[in-house]
Amino acid sequence: MKIIIRNLSRSTTEAEVRNLFEAFGEVTSCDLVMDKQTGGSKGFGFVEMSNVKSAKFAIKNLNDKTIANSRIRVKVAEEK
């Protein structure tokens, strides 16, 4: 299941996001969206988890949680 994480602090790293979600199950991919001009984080990213039940549990527990002074929003990513 693909999950979108919004409102991340610009200082939050991909490794930190991966660690957050690995507490709930196997993470198959983790990608922060980076600004091409500055090379810094745009403040959102995507995580994919292999187990749907674990992914839903992670969403429930991490949505509205404060990480690095930012209240993150976590939900199922919409397909394009």
C-alpha atoms as a PDB file:
ATOM      1  CA  MET A   1       0.000   0.000   0.000  1.00  0.00           C
ATOM      2  CA  LYS A   2       1.350   3.425  -0.945  1.00  0.00           C
ATOM      3  CA  ILE A   3       1.126   6.122   1.736  1.00  0.00           C
ATOM      4  CA  ILE A   4       1.673   9.874   1.430  1.00  0.00           C
ATOM      5  CA  ILE A   5       3.171  11.868   4.287  1.00  0.00           C
ATOM      6  CA  ARG A   6       2.621  15.637   4.197  1.00  0.00           C
ATOM      7  CA  ASN A   7       3.770  18.574   6.292  1.00  0.00           C
ATOM      8  CA  LEU A   8       7.149  17.054   7.132  1.00  0.00           C
ATOM      9  CA  SER A   9       9.782  19.350   8.560  1.00  0.00           C
ATOM     10  CA  ARG A  10      12.273  20.292   5.841  1.00  0.00           C
ATOM     11  CA  SER A  11      15.007  18.845   8.079  1.00  0.00           C
ATOM     12  CA  THR A  12      13.397  15.384   8.361  1.00  0.00           C
ATOM     13  CA  THR A  13      15.440  12.759   6.515  1.00  0.00           C
ATOM     14  CA  GLU A  14      14.352   9.781   4.457  1.00  0.00           C
ATOM     15  CA  ALA A  15      15.948   7.486   7.056  1.00  0.00           C
ATOM     16  CA  GLU A  16      13.871   9.082   9.832  1.00  0.00           C
ATOM     17  CA  VAL A  17      10.648   8.587   7.854  1.00  0.00           C
ATOM     18  CA  ARG A  18      11.575   4.977   7.080  1.00  0.00           C
ATOM     19  CA  ASN A  19      12.279   4.319  10.784  1.00  0.00           C
ATOM     20  CA  LEU A  20       8.901   5.780  11.766  1.00  0.00           C
ATOM     21  CA  PHE A  21       7.048   3.394   9.478  1.00  0.00           C
ATOM     22  CA  GLU A  22       9.248   0.342  10.095  1.00  0.00           C
ATOM     23  CA  ALA A  23       7.927   0.328  13.653  1.00  0.00           C
ATOM     24  CA  PHE A  24       4.621  -0.838  12.117  1.00  0.00           C
ATOM     25  CA  GLY A  25       5.882  -3.322   9.527  1.00  0.00           C
ATOM     26  CA  GLU A  26       8.022  -3.903   6.451  1.00  0.00           C
ATOM     27  CA  VAL A  27       8.714  -0.808   4.341  1.00  0.00           C
ATOM     28  CA  THR A  28       9.358  -1.683   0.690  1.00  0.00           C
ATOM     29  CA  SER A  29      10.197   1.878  -0.391  1.00  0.00           C
ATOM     30  CA  CYS A  30      10.563   5.347   1.097  1.00  0.00           C
ATOM     31  CA  ASP A  31      11.016   8.510  -0.973  1.00  0.00           C
ATOM     32  CA  LEU A  32      11.069  12.133   0.089  1.00  0.00           C
ATOM     33  CA  VAL A  33      10.233  14.598  -2.673  1.00  0.00           C
ATOM     34  CA  MET A  34      13.190  16.919  -3.178  1.00  0.00           C
ATOM     35  CA  ASP A  35      13.317  20.408  -4.692  1.00  0.00           C
ATOM     36  CA  LYS A  36      15.395  20.279  -7.887  1.00  0.00           C
ATOM     37  CA  GLN A  37      16.642  23.848  -7.431  1.00  0.00           C
ATOM     38  CA  THR A  38      17.729  23.734  -3.789  1.00  0.00           C
ATOM     39  CA  GLY A  39      18.209  20.000  -3.263  1.00  0.00           C
ATOM     40  CA  GLY A  40      16.219  20.256  -0.033  1.00  0.00           C
ATOM     41  CA  SER A  41      13.067  18.456   0.980  1.00  0.00           C
ATOM     42  CA  LYS A  42       9.723  19.799  -0.241  1.00  0.00           C
ATOM     43  CA  GLY A  43       8.118  18.632   3.007  1.00  0.00           C
ATOM     44  CA  PHE A  44       6.331  15.527   1.765  1.00  0.00           C
ATOM     45  CA  GLY A  45       7.084  12.003   0.701  1.00  0.00           C
ATOM     46  CA  PHE A  46       5.825   8.506   0.026  1.00  0.00           C
ATOM     47  CA  VAL A  47       6.196   5.194   1.807  1.00  0.00           C
ATOM     48  CA  GLU A  48       5.170   1.802   0.471  1.00  0.00           C
ATOM     49  CA  MET A  49       4.401  -1.042   2.827  1.00  0.00           C
ATOM     50  CA  SER A  50       3.910  -4.641   1.718  1.00  0.00           C
ATOM     51  CA  ASN A  51       1.239  -5.503   4.301  1.00  0.00           C
ATOM     52  CA  VAL A  52      -2.049  -3.564   3.978  1.00  0.00           C
ATOM     53  CA  LYS A  53      -3.038  -4.194   7.602  1.00  0.00           C
ATOM     54  CA  SER A  54       0.315  -2.839   8.840  1.00  0.00           C
ATOM     55  CA  ALA A  55       0.010   0.173   6.522  1.00  0.00           C
ATOM     56  CA  LYS A  56      -3.457   1.043   7.833  1.00  0.00           C
ATOM     57  CA  PHE A  57      -2.215   0.685  11.404  1.00  0.00           C
ATOM     58  CA  ALA A  58       0.731   3.007  10.636  1.00  0.00           C
ATOM     59  CA  ILE A  59      -1.610   5.594   9.064  1.00  0.00           C
ATOM     60  CA  LYS A  60      -3.934   5.485  12.075  1.00  0.00           C
ATOM     61  CA  ASN A  61      -1.067   5.898  14.545  1.00  0.00           C
ATOM     62  CA  LEU A  62       1.087   8.440  12.701  1.00  0.00           C
ATOM     63  CA  ASN A  63      -1.537  10.814  11.263  1.00  0.00           C
ATOM     64  CA  ASP A  64      -1.512  14.141  13.185  1.00  0.00           C
ATOM     65  CA  LYS A  65       1.617  13.110  15.109  1.00  0.00           C
ATOM     66  CA  THR A  66       4.202  15.826  15.754  1.00  0.00           C
ATOM     67  CA  ILE A  67       7.603  14.955  14.277  1.00  0.00           C
ATOM     68  CA  ALA A  68      10.471  17.486  14.426  1.00  0.00           C
ATOM     69  CA  ASN A  69       8.030  20.257  15.449  1.00  0.00           C
ATOM     70  CA  SER A  70       5.732  19.577  12.466  1.00  0.00           C
ATOM     71  CA  ARG A  71       2.305  17.985  12.733  1.00  0.00           C
ATOM     72  CA  ILE A  72       2.389  15.458   9.912  1.00  0.00           C
ATOM     73  CA  ARG A  73      -0.585  14.260   7.855  1.00  0.00           C
ATOM     74  CA  VAL A  74      -0.556  10.631   6.766  1.00  0.00           C
ATOM     75  CA  LYS A  75      -3.026   8.944   4.414  1.00  0.00           C
ATOM     76  CA  VAL A  76      -3.343   6.459   1.569  1.00  0.00           C
ATOM     77  CA  ALA A  77      -1.790   7.904  -1.587  1.00  0.00           C
ATOM     78  CA  GLU A  78      -4.222   8.319  -4.467  1.00  0.00           C
ATOM     79  CA  GLU A  79      -3.394   6.613  -7.736  1.00  0.00           C
ATOM     80  CA  LYS A  80      -2.751   8.910 -10.713  1.00  0.00           C
END
